[in-house]
């Protein structure tokens, strides 16, 4: 018995709907109701123009987290993190880049994404000296970054979420210094991750 054109069209639509439902279940679609995360600290998110330089990780003042600012230790010929008392610093020498791919040293399959720490000295690390990179703003809940906004770095010891050597979007009295060769390139996401632009300081 021949089917009418209408019957064939209905059967085709029913089959297409069933296929769409099964495909959606297989791919596990994800919906972001408001805004997806901006990225992970230390991610270089603009590939032109940018400049990344390798160097040794200083053993005495290690850099605590990916996406943190770094300074050059001329005595060790290495990159170091901010130390308590670096209150006269006005420019950074770069930002620590999150290496990928890399072999993590701990955590196994249960390691959290974005929670890795840099390899210990005397490992070789990558530092962004000029370009755009994702970083964590320590005090975003009180002072959120804005496009073109001033950048500060905490020079006091870590206190709660305020990490020594971490970025701030506002002055914190004697606890932070203003950086002249960096600026925020927009607001942060719900986790405080924002885009930062840095460039080599000129004498």
C-alpha atoms as a PDB file:
ATOM      1  CA  UNK A   1       0.000   0.000   0.000  1.00  0.00           C
ATOM      2  CA  UNK A   2       1.419   3.343  -1.041  1.00  0.00           C
ATOM      3  CA  UNK A   3       1.705   6.090   1.570  1.00  0.00           C
ATOM      4  CA  UNK A   4       0.536   9.600   0.790  1.00  0.00           C
ATOM      5  CA  UNK A   5       2.988  12.474   0.610  1.00  0.00           C
ATOM      6  CA  UNK A   6       1.570  13.845   3.853  1.00  0.00           C
ATOM      7  CA  UNK A   7       2.144  10.554   5.661  1.00  0.00           C
ATOM      8  CA  UNK A   8       5.707  10.369   4.395  1.00  0.00           C
ATOM      9  CA  UNK A   9       6.392  13.965   5.516  1.00  0.00           C
ATOM     10  CA  UNK A  10       5.016  13.283   9.028  1.00  0.00           C
ATOM     11  CA  UNK A  11       7.093  10.109   9.336  1.00  0.00           C
ATOM     12  CA  UNK A  12      10.216  12.013   8.287  1.00  0.00           C
ATOM     13  CA  UNK A  13       9.619  14.742  10.875  1.00  0.00           C
ATOM     14  CA  UNK A  14       9.065  12.203  13.665  1.00  0.00           C
ATOM     15  CA  UNK A  15      12.284  10.393  12.766  1.00  0.00           C
ATOM     16  CA  UNK A  16      14.270  13.655  12.670  1.00  0.00           C
ATOM     17  CA  UNK A  17      12.942  14.676  16.100  1.00  0.00           C
ATOM     18  CA  UNK A  18      13.893  11.311  17.592  1.00  0.00           C
ATOM     19  CA  UNK A  19      17.385  11.566  16.122  1.00  0.00           C
ATOM     20  CA  UNK A  20      17.827  15.087  17.518  1.00  0.00           C
ATOM     21  CA  UNK A  21      16.832  13.929  20.993  1.00  0.00           C
ATOM     22  CA  UNK A  22      19.242  11.003  20.934  1.00  0.00           C
ATOM     23  CA  UNK A  23      22.095  13.190  19.580  1.00  0.00           C
ATOM     24  CA  UNK A  24      21.603  15.787  22.302  1.00  0.00           C
ATOM     25  CA  UNK A  25      21.726  13.082  24.963  1.00  0.00           C
ATOM     26  CA  UNK A  26      24.951  11.698  23.505  1.00  0.00           C
ATOM     27  CA  UNK A  27      26.800  15.028  23.282  1.00  0.00           C
ATOM     28  CA  UNK A  28      25.774  16.217  26.787  1.00  0.00           C
ATOM     29  CA  UNK A  29      25.086  19.817  25.809  1.00  0.00           C
ATOM     30  CA  UNK A  30      26.024  22.490  28.367  1.00  0.00           C
ATOM     31  CA  UNK A  31      24.255  25.806  28.768  1.00  0.00           C
ATOM     32  CA  UNK A  32      25.795  28.894  30.344  1.00  0.00           C
ATOM     33  CA  UNK A  33      22.969  30.961  31.774  1.00  0.00           C
ATOM     34  CA  UNK A  34      24.962  34.137  32.171  1.00  0.00           C
ATOM     35  CA  UNK A  35      28.692  34.123  31.364  1.00  0.00           C
ATOM     36  CA  UNK A  36      31.157  31.292  31.001  1.00  0.00           C
ATOM     37  CA  UNK A  37      34.496  31.468  32.820  1.00  0.00           C
ATOM     38  CA  UNK A  38      37.076  33.814  31.323  1.00  0.00           C
ATOM     39  CA  UNK A  39      39.874  31.242  31.429  1.00  0.00           C
ATOM     40  CA  UNK A  40      42.649  30.042  33.695  1.00  0.00           C
ATOM     41  CA  UNK A  41      45.387  32.151  35.317  1.00  0.00           C
ATOM     42  CA  UNK A  42      48.510  32.083  33.193  1.00  0.00           C
ATOM     43  CA  UNK A  43      46.758  31.478  29.861  1.00  0.00           C
ATOM     44  CA  UNK A  44      48.130  33.650  27.043  1.00  0.00           C
ATOM     45  CA  UNK A  45      44.860  34.449  25.310  1.00  0.00           C
ATOM     46  CA  UNK A  46      46.027  36.594  22.386  1.00  0.00           C
ATOM     47  CA  UNK A  47      48.657  35.065  20.147  1.00  0.00           C
ATOM     48  CA  UNK A  48      49.552  38.229  18.269  1.00  0.00           C
ATOM     49  CA  UNK A  49      51.414  40.184  19.292  1.00  0.00           C
ATOM     50  CA  UNK A  50      53.053  38.579  22.311  1.00  0.00           C
ATOM     51  CA  UNK A  51      56.502  37.686  23.626  1.00  0.00           C
ATOM     52  CA  UNK A  52      57.275  34.747  25.925  1.00  0.00           C
ATOM     53  CA  UNK A  53      60.758  34.101  27.282  1.00  0.00           C
ATOM     54  CA  UNK A  54      62.026  30.966  29.062  1.00  0.00           C
ATOM     55  CA  UNK A  55      64.135  31.239  32.188  1.00  0.00           C
ATOM     56  CA  UNK A  56      65.104  29.570  35.446  1.00  0.00           C
ATOM     57  CA  UNK A  57      62.781  29.550  38.446  1.00  0.00           C
ATOM     58  CA  UNK A  58      64.444  31.163  41.464  1.00  0.00           C
ATOM     59  CA  UNK A  59      64.775  28.912  44.512  1.00  0.00           C
ATOM     60  CA  UNK A  60      64.799  31.598  47.210  1.00  0.00           C
ATOM     61  CA  UNK A  61      61.660  33.538  46.200  1.00  0.00           C
ATOM     62  CA  UNK A  62      59.583  31.146  44.091  1.00  0.00           C
ATOM     63  CA  UNK A  63      56.581  32.285  42.086  1.00  0.00           C
ATOM     64  CA  UNK A  64      53.523  30.932  43.862  1.00  0.00           C
ATOM     65  CA  UNK A  65      50.897  30.609  41.124  1.00  0.00           C
ATOM     66  CA  UNK A  66      50.501  30.660  37.363  1.00  0.00           C
ATOM     67  CA  UNK A  67      49.445  34.110  36.235  1.00  0.00           C
ATOM     68  CA  UNK A  68      51.417  35.851  38.998  1.00  0.00           C
ATOM     69  CA  UNK A  69      53.844  38.703  38.251  1.00  0.00           C
ATOM     70  CA  UNK A  70      57.563  37.958  38.192  1.00  0.00           C
ATOM     71  CA  UNK A  71      60.764  39.888  38.768  1.00  0.00           C
ATOM     72  CA  UNK A  72      64.317  39.178  37.620  1.00  0.00           C
ATOM     73  CA  UNK A  73      66.806  38.126  40.293  1.00  0.00           C
ATOM     74  CA  UNK A  74      70.078  39.285  38.735  1.00  0.00           C
ATOM     75  CA  UNK A  75      72.192  37.483  41.338  1.00  0.00           C
ATOM     76  CA  UNK A  76      70.679  34.116  40.403  1.00  0.00           C
ATOM     77  CA  UNK A  77      69.978  34.891  36.734  1.00  0.00           C
ATOM     78  CA  UNK A  78      66.446  33.659  37.341  1.00  0.00           C
ATOM     79  CA  UNK A  79      62.818  34.788  37.600  1.00  0.00           C
ATOM     80  CA  UNK A  80      61.425  35.217  41.107  1.00  0.00           C
ATOM     81  CA  UNK A  81      58.143  36.087  42.766  1.00  0.00           C
ATOM     82  CA  UNK A  82      57.363  39.141  44.870  1.00  0.00           C
ATOM     83  CA  UNK A  83      58.808  39.041  48.373  1.00  0.00           C
ATOM     84  CA  UNK A  84      57.632  40.817  51.492  1.00  0.00           C
ATOM     85  CA  UNK A  85      59.350  44.182  51.405  1.00  0.00           C
ATOM     86  CA  UNK A  86      59.350  44.709  47.625  1.00  0.00           C
ATOM     87  CA  UNK A  87      57.675  48.040  48.250  1.00  0.00           C
ATOM     88  CA  UNK A  88      59.928  50.051  45.925  1.00  0.00           C
ATOM     89  CA  UNK A  89      59.018  48.026  42.820  1.00  0.00           C
ATOM     90  CA  UNK A  90      57.151  49.986  40.130  1.00  0.00           C
ATOM     91  CA  UNK A  91      57.434  47.629  37.130  1.00  0.00           C
ATOM     92  CA  UNK A  92      57.230  43.889  36.652  1.00  0.00           C
ATOM     93  CA  UNK A  93      59.441  41.806  34.366  1.00  0.00           C
ATOM     94  CA  UNK A  94      56.554  39.669  33.146  1.00  0.00           C
ATOM     95  CA  UNK A  95      53.814  37.228  34.143  1.00  0.00           C
ATOM     96  CA  UNK A  96      54.239  33.486  34.680  1.00  0.00           C
ATOM     97  CA  UNK A  97      52.701  31.505  31.798  1.00  0.00           C
ATOM     98  CA  UNK A  98      50.662  28.357  32.431  1.00  0.00           C
ATOM     99  CA  UNK A  99      52.524  25.623  30.576  1.00  0.00           C
ATOM    100  CA  UNK A 100      50.512  23.188  28.477  1.00  0.00           C
ATOM    101  CA  UNK A 101      50.874  20.347  27.916  1.00  0.00           C
ATOM    102  CA  UNK A 102      52.870  19.428  30.994  1.00  0.00           C
ATOM    103  CA  UNK A 103      53.194  16.527  33.405  1.00  0.00           C
ATOM    104  CA  UNK A 104      51.712  17.369  36.792  1.00  0.00           C
ATOM    105  CA  UNK A 105      53.697  16.352  39.845  1.00  0.00           C
ATOM    106  CA  UNK A 106      50.792  15.466  42.130  1.00  0.00           C
ATOM    107  CA  UNK A 107      47.033  15.016  42.281  1.00  0.00           C
ATOM    108  CA  UNK A 108      46.629  12.299  39.687  1.00  0.00           C
ATOM    109  CA  UNK A 109      43.200  11.998  38.105  1.00  0.00           C
ATOM    110  CA  UNK A 110      41.621  13.993  40.942  1.00  0.00           C
ATOM    111  CA  UNK A 111      43.709  17.138  40.331  1.00  0.00           C
ATOM    112  CA  UNK A 112      41.594  20.268  39.935  1.00  0.00           C
ATOM    113  CA  UNK A 113      41.815  22.185  36.648  1.00  0.00           C
ATOM    114  CA  UNK A 114      43.495  25.560  37.123  1.00  0.00           C
ATOM    115  CA  UNK A 115      44.821  24.746  40.589  1.00  0.00           C
ATOM    116  CA  UNK A 116      48.300  23.627  39.582  1.00  0.00           C
ATOM    117  CA  UNK A 117      51.406  25.259  41.021  1.00  0.00           C
ATOM    118  CA  UNK A 118      54.560  26.079  39.041  1.00  0.00           C
ATOM    119  CA  UNK A 119      57.433  23.563  38.963  1.00  0.00           C
ATOM    120  CA  UNK A 120      59.993  24.139  41.685  1.00  0.00           C
ATOM    121  CA  UNK A 121      63.484  25.514  41.088  1.00  0.00           C
ATOM    122  CA  UNK A 122      65.704  24.957  39.212  1.00  0.00           C
ATOM    123  CA  UNK A 123      62.998  24.209  36.641  1.00  0.00           C
ATOM    124  CA  UNK A 124      62.675  26.217  33.437  1.00  0.00           C
ATOM    125  CA  UNK A 125      59.535  28.366  33.293  1.00  0.00           C
ATOM    126  CA  UNK A 126      57.921  30.581  30.653  1.00  0.00           C
ATOM    127  CA  UNK A 127      57.284  34.267  31.278  1.00  0.00           C
ATOM    128  CA  UNK A 128      55.117  36.592  29.213  1.00  0.00           C
ATOM    129  CA  UNK A 129      57.075  39.837  28.868  1.00  0.00           C
ATOM    130  CA  UNK A 130      54.779  41.570  26.381  1.00  0.00           C
ATOM    131  CA  UNK A 131      51.165  40.772  25.542  1.00  0.00           C
ATOM    132  CA  UNK A 132      47.818  39.752  27.037  1.00  0.00           C
ATOM    133  CA  UNK A 133      47.314  37.079  29.695  1.00  0.00           C
ATOM    134  CA  UNK A 134      44.618  35.843  32.073  1.00  0.00           C
ATOM    135  CA  UNK A 135      45.330  36.489  35.761  1.00  0.00           C
ATOM    136  CA  UNK A 136      43.527  36.307  39.100  1.00  0.00           C
ATOM    137  CA  UNK A 137      42.566  39.589  40.752  1.00  0.00           C
ATOM    138  CA  UNK A 138      42.884  39.024  44.501  1.00  0.00           C
ATOM    139  CA  UNK A 139      40.481  41.682  45.730  1.00  0.00           C
ATOM    140  CA  UNK A 140      37.911  41.599  42.914  1.00  0.00           C
ATOM    141  CA  UNK A 141      34.993  41.267  45.345  1.00  0.00           C
ATOM    142  CA  UNK A 142      35.796  44.717  46.759  1.00  0.00           C
ATOM    143  CA  UNK A 143      37.572  46.385  43.843  1.00  0.00           C
ATOM    144  CA  UNK A 144      36.843  44.778  40.478  1.00  0.00           C
ATOM    145  CA  UNK A 145      39.104  45.408  37.454  1.00  0.00           C
ATOM    146  CA  UNK A 146      37.959  47.814  34.733  1.00  0.00           C
ATOM    147  CA  UNK A 147      39.278  48.302  31.210  1.00  0.00           C
ATOM    148  CA  UNK A 148      42.363  50.513  31.341  1.00  0.00           C
ATOM    149  CA  UNK A 149      42.391  50.358  35.135  1.00  0.00           C
ATOM    150  CA  UNK A 150      45.517  50.562  37.270  1.00  0.00           C
ATOM    151  CA  UNK A 151      47.246  47.366  38.370  1.00  0.00           C
ATOM    152  CA  UNK A 152      48.643  46.703  41.839  1.00  0.00           C
ATOM    153  CA  UNK A 153      50.631  43.788  43.309  1.00  0.00           C
ATOM    154  CA  UNK A 154      50.448  42.657  46.936  1.00  0.00           C
ATOM    155  CA  UNK A 155      53.823  42.825  48.696  1.00  0.00           C
ATOM    156  CA  UNK A 156      52.589  41.815  52.156  1.00  0.00           C
ATOM    157  CA  UNK A 157      52.342  38.236  53.425  1.00  0.00           C
ATOM    158  CA  UNK A 158      49.412  36.116  52.292  1.00  0.00           C
ATOM    159  CA  UNK A 159      46.230  36.673  54.277  1.00  0.00           C
ATOM    160  CA  UNK A 160      43.251  34.541  53.281  1.00  0.00           C
ATOM    161  CA  UNK A 161      42.444  35.088  49.608  1.00  0.00           C
ATOM    162  CA  UNK A 162      44.922  37.949  49.362  1.00  0.00           C
ATOM    163  CA  UNK A 163      47.984  36.114  48.049  1.00  0.00           C
ATOM    164  CA  UNK A 164      51.456  37.593  48.364  1.00  0.00           C
ATOM    165  CA  UNK A 165      52.625  38.525  44.884  1.00  0.00           C
ATOM    166  CA  UNK A 166      49.078  38.459  43.508  1.00  0.00           C
ATOM    167  CA  UNK A 167      47.371  41.132  41.430  1.00  0.00           C
ATOM    168  CA  UNK A 168      44.982  43.763  42.820  1.00  0.00           C
ATOM    169  CA  UNK A 169      42.735  46.261  41.074  1.00  0.00           C
ATOM    170  CA  UNK A 170      43.089  48.934  43.759  1.00  0.00           C
ATOM    171  CA  UNK A 171      45.632  50.258  46.213  1.00  0.00           C
ATOM    172  CA  UNK A 172      45.891  48.488  49.549  1.00  0.00           C
ATOM    173  CA  UNK A 173      47.948  51.000  51.484  1.00  0.00           C
ATOM    174  CA  UNK A 174      51.294  49.601  52.609  1.00  0.00           C
ATOM    175  CA  UNK A 175      50.335  46.125  51.363  1.00  0.00           C
ATOM    176  CA  UNK A 176      50.546  46.761  47.602  1.00  0.00           C
ATOM    177  CA  UNK A 177      52.498  48.684  44.970  1.00  0.00           C
ATOM    178  CA  UNK A 178      51.234  50.182  41.710  1.00  0.00           C
ATOM    179  CA  UNK A 179      52.679  48.706  38.523  1.00  0.00           C
ATOM    180  CA  UNK A 180      53.381  51.135  35.696  1.00  0.00           C
ATOM    181  CA  UNK A 181      53.820  48.651  32.842  1.00  0.00           C
ATOM    182  CA  UNK A 182      50.510  46.790  33.116  1.00  0.00           C
ATOM    183  CA  UNK A 183      46.797  47.546  32.870  1.00  0.00           C
ATOM    184  CA  UNK A 184      43.503  45.680  33.115  1.00  0.00           C
ATOM    185  CA  UNK A 185      41.825  45.003  29.784  1.00  0.00           C
ATOM    186  CA  UNK A 186      38.305  44.482  31.092  1.00  0.00           C
ATOM    187  CA  UNK A 187      36.189  43.190  33.977  1.00  0.00           C
ATOM    188  CA  UNK A 188      36.656  39.821  35.667  1.00  0.00           C
ATOM    189  CA  UNK A 189      34.435  36.765  35.756  1.00  0.00           C
ATOM    190  CA  UNK A 190      32.745  35.342  38.852  1.00  0.00           C
ATOM    191  CA  UNK A 191      36.040  33.767  39.980  1.00  0.00           C
ATOM    192  CA  UNK A 192      38.048  36.982  39.654  1.00  0.00           C
ATOM    193  CA  UNK A 193      39.826  35.970  36.430  1.00  0.00           C
ATOM    194  CA  UNK A 194      40.479  38.914  34.123  1.00  0.00           C
ATOM    195  CA  UNK A 195      42.625  39.826  31.147  1.00  0.00           C
ATOM    196  CA  UNK A 196      45.759  41.811  31.864  1.00  0.00           C
ATOM    197  CA  UNK A 197      48.040  43.579  29.393  1.00  0.00           C
ATOM    198  CA  UNK A 198      51.722  43.987  30.184  1.00  0.00           C
ATOM    199  CA  UNK A 199      54.705  45.326  28.287  1.00  0.00           C
ATOM    200  CA  UNK A 200      58.426  45.632  28.830  1.00  0.00           C
ATOM    201  CA  UNK A 201      59.302  48.570  31.042  1.00  0.00           C
ATOM    202  CA  UNK A 202      61.358  51.228  29.338  1.00  0.00           C
ATOM    203  CA  UNK A 203      64.119  52.991  31.257  1.00  0.00           C
END
